[in-house]
């Protein structure tokens, strides 16, 4: 299995209403310090079964690469799932970050 495939398998496990960070996915895949590579994997993914919109940066920030239809697409998709945003426009990671070992 390629490292990209491993990352995307982890992203598939993120439940609706939760998010994971690029670095978190890298650590779960056994490749710490490879958050940027996770970014390449999810940005290039065209498989609709992979909820790439649930991946955010370490501050809870969304990325324009997921705004394929219009600006704010990633945020709109996350809000529709119940993800909470802080006043500064970032995801409230304390409340919405996926913890695979406890869920």
C-alpha atoms as a PDB file:
ATOM      1  CA  UNK A   1       0.000   0.000   0.000  1.00  0.00           C
ATOM      2  CA  UNK A   2       1.347   3.433  -0.901  1.00  0.00           C
ATOM      3  CA  UNK A   3       1.698   6.118   1.725  1.00  0.00           C
ATOM      4  CA  UNK A   4      -0.948   8.219  -0.084  1.00  0.00           C
ATOM      5  CA  UNK A   5      -3.372   5.285   0.094  1.00  0.00           C
ATOM      6  CA  UNK A   6      -2.650   4.918   3.818  1.00  0.00           C
ATOM      7  CA  UNK A   7      -3.421   8.601   4.381  1.00  0.00           C
ATOM      8  CA  UNK A   8      -6.677   8.398   2.434  1.00  0.00           C
ATOM      9  CA  UNK A   9      -7.743   5.275   4.356  1.00  0.00           C
ATOM     10  CA  UNK A  10      -7.336   7.251   7.590  1.00  0.00           C
ATOM     11  CA  UNK A  11      -9.285  10.209   6.174  1.00  0.00           C
ATOM     12  CA  UNK A  12     -12.151   7.835   5.301  1.00  0.00           C
ATOM     13  CA  UNK A  13     -12.440   6.991   9.017  1.00  0.00           C
ATOM     14  CA  UNK A  14     -13.022  10.597  10.141  1.00  0.00           C
ATOM     15  CA  UNK A  15     -16.688  10.723  11.161  1.00  0.00           C
ATOM     16  CA  UNK A  16     -19.064  13.457  10.099  1.00  0.00           C
ATOM     17  CA  UNK A  17     -18.926  16.371  12.512  1.00  0.00           C
ATOM     18  CA  UNK A  18     -15.241  15.806  13.263  1.00  0.00           C
ATOM     19  CA  UNK A  19     -11.992  16.993  11.710  1.00  0.00           C
ATOM     20  CA  UNK A  20      -8.376  15.853  11.759  1.00  0.00           C
ATOM     21  CA  UNK A  21      -5.218  17.818  11.095  1.00  0.00           C
ATOM     22  CA  UNK A  22      -2.649  17.030   8.433  1.00  0.00           C
ATOM     23  CA  UNK A  23      -0.076  16.261  11.113  1.00  0.00           C
ATOM     24  CA  UNK A  24      -2.472  14.028  13.020  1.00  0.00           C
ATOM     25  CA  UNK A  25      -3.076  11.932   9.907  1.00  0.00           C
ATOM     26  CA  UNK A  26       0.668  11.688   9.273  1.00  0.00           C
ATOM     27  CA  UNK A  27       1.251  10.458  12.845  1.00  0.00           C
ATOM     28  CA  UNK A  28      -1.588   7.923  12.628  1.00  0.00           C
ATOM     29  CA  UNK A  29      -0.051   6.562   9.419  1.00  0.00           C
ATOM     30  CA  UNK A  30       3.325   6.148  11.112  1.00  0.00           C
ATOM     31  CA  UNK A  31       4.969   8.977   9.165  1.00  0.00           C
ATOM     32  CA  UNK A  32       5.328  11.824  11.665  1.00  0.00           C
ATOM     33  CA  UNK A  33       6.657  15.102  10.266  1.00  0.00           C
ATOM     34  CA  UNK A  34       5.003  14.385   6.899  1.00  0.00           C
ATOM     35  CA  UNK A  35       1.986  16.691   7.226  1.00  0.00           C
ATOM     36  CA  UNK A  36       2.837  18.372   3.936  1.00  0.00           C
ATOM     37  CA  UNK A  37       2.742  14.989   2.176  1.00  0.00           C
ATOM     38  CA  UNK A  38      -0.717  14.401   3.632  1.00  0.00           C
ATOM     39  CA  UNK A  39      -1.682  17.745   2.111  1.00  0.00           C
ATOM     40  CA  UNK A  40      -0.522  16.587  -1.311  1.00  0.00           C
ATOM     41  CA  UNK A  41      -2.485  13.353  -0.939  1.00  0.00           C
ATOM     42  CA  UNK A  42      -5.783  14.977   0.008  1.00  0.00           C
ATOM     43  CA  UNK A  43      -5.435  17.884  -2.421  1.00  0.00           C
ATOM     44  CA  UNK A  44      -5.014  15.467  -5.303  1.00  0.00           C
ATOM     45  CA  UNK A  45      -7.746  13.070  -4.248  1.00  0.00           C
ATOM     46  CA  UNK A  46     -10.712  12.894  -6.616  1.00  0.00           C
ATOM     47  CA  UNK A  47     -12.445   9.965  -4.900  1.00  0.00           C
ATOM     48  CA  UNK A  48     -15.831  11.127  -3.600  1.00  0.00           C
ATOM     49  CA  UNK A  49     -15.754   8.440  -0.887  1.00  0.00           C
ATOM     50  CA  UNK A  50     -12.869  10.247   0.841  1.00  0.00           C
ATOM     51  CA  UNK A  51     -14.128  13.173   2.965  1.00  0.00           C
ATOM     52  CA  UNK A  52     -11.050  15.340   2.399  1.00  0.00           C
ATOM     53  CA  UNK A  53     -12.965  18.426   3.515  1.00  0.00           C
ATOM     54  CA  UNK A  54     -12.614  17.079   7.078  1.00  0.00           C
ATOM     55  CA  UNK A  55      -8.855  17.723   7.064  1.00  0.00           C
ATOM     56  CA  UNK A  56      -7.679  21.093   8.400  1.00  0.00           C
ATOM     57  CA  UNK A  57      -4.368  22.652   9.346  1.00  0.00           C
ATOM     58  CA  UNK A  58      -2.921  22.576  12.865  1.00  0.00           C
ATOM     59  CA  UNK A  59      -4.745  25.778  13.769  1.00  0.00           C
ATOM     60  CA  UNK A  60      -8.092  24.538  12.455  1.00  0.00           C
ATOM     61  CA  UNK A  61      -7.801  26.519   9.246  1.00  0.00           C
ATOM     62  CA  UNK A  62      -9.514  25.508   6.035  1.00  0.00           C
ATOM     63  CA  UNK A  63      -7.734  25.513   2.680  1.00  0.00           C
ATOM     64  CA  UNK A  64      -8.755  27.044  -0.640  1.00  0.00           C
ATOM     65  CA  UNK A  65      -7.874  23.802  -2.463  1.00  0.00           C
ATOM     66  CA  UNK A  66     -11.175  22.361  -1.161  1.00  0.00           C
ATOM     67  CA  UNK A  67     -13.205  25.326  -2.386  1.00  0.00           C
ATOM     68  CA  UNK A  68     -13.728  23.710  -5.776  1.00  0.00           C
ATOM     69  CA  UNK A  69     -17.236  25.062  -6.311  1.00  0.00           C
ATOM     70  CA  UNK A  70     -16.965  28.478  -4.651  1.00  0.00           C
ATOM     71  CA  UNK A  71     -14.995  30.240  -1.923  1.00  0.00           C
ATOM     72  CA  UNK A  72     -16.019  28.856   1.459  1.00  0.00           C
ATOM     73  CA  UNK A  73     -17.029  25.400   0.198  1.00  0.00           C
ATOM     74  CA  UNK A  74     -14.953  23.533   2.788  1.00  0.00           C
ATOM     75  CA  UNK A  75     -16.343  25.609   5.633  1.00  0.00           C
ATOM     76  CA  UNK A  76     -19.911  25.180   4.368  1.00  0.00           C
ATOM     77  CA  UNK A  77     -19.491  21.394   4.150  1.00  0.00           C
ATOM     78  CA  UNK A  78     -18.079  21.248   7.677  1.00  0.00           C
ATOM     79  CA  UNK A  79     -20.786  23.496   9.125  1.00  0.00           C
ATOM     80  CA  UNK A  80     -23.447  21.311   7.486  1.00  0.00           C
ATOM     81  CA  UNK A  81     -21.992  18.398   9.490  1.00  0.00           C
ATOM     82  CA  UNK A  82     -22.121  20.374  12.729  1.00  0.00           C
ATOM     83  CA  UNK A  83     -18.465  21.396  12.972  1.00  0.00           C
ATOM     84  CA  UNK A  84     -18.090  24.482  15.146  1.00  0.00           C
ATOM     85  CA  UNK A  85     -16.008  27.450  13.999  1.00  0.00           C
ATOM     86  CA  UNK A  86     -14.424  30.080  16.241  1.00  0.00           C
ATOM     87  CA  UNK A  87     -14.930  33.805  15.606  1.00  0.00           C
ATOM     88  CA  UNK A  88     -11.558  33.945  13.803  1.00  0.00           C
ATOM     89  CA  UNK A  89     -12.852  31.511  11.148  1.00  0.00           C
ATOM     90  CA  UNK A  90     -10.952  28.431  12.305  1.00  0.00           C
ATOM     91  CA  UNK A  91     -12.431  25.132  13.465  1.00  0.00           C
ATOM     92  CA  UNK A  92     -12.757  24.757  17.223  1.00  0.00           C
ATOM     93  CA  UNK A  93     -10.321  21.842  17.511  1.00  0.00           C
ATOM     94  CA  UNK A  94     -10.963  21.389  21.227  1.00  0.00           C
ATOM     95  CA  UNK A  95     -14.570  20.516  20.456  1.00  0.00           C
ATOM     96  CA  UNK A  96     -14.381  18.984  16.980  1.00  0.00           C
ATOM     97  CA  UNK A  97     -11.048  17.230  16.551  1.00  0.00           C
ATOM     98  CA  UNK A  98     -11.376  13.510  15.904  1.00  0.00           C
ATOM     99  CA  UNK A  99      -9.793  11.294  18.534  1.00  0.00           C
ATOM    100  CA  UNK A 100      -9.718   7.815  16.952  1.00  0.00           C
ATOM    101  CA  UNK A 101      -8.569   6.086  20.118  1.00  0.00           C
ATOM    102  CA  UNK A 102     -11.483   7.370  22.194  1.00  0.00           C
ATOM    103  CA  UNK A 103     -14.335   7.327  19.658  1.00  0.00           C
END
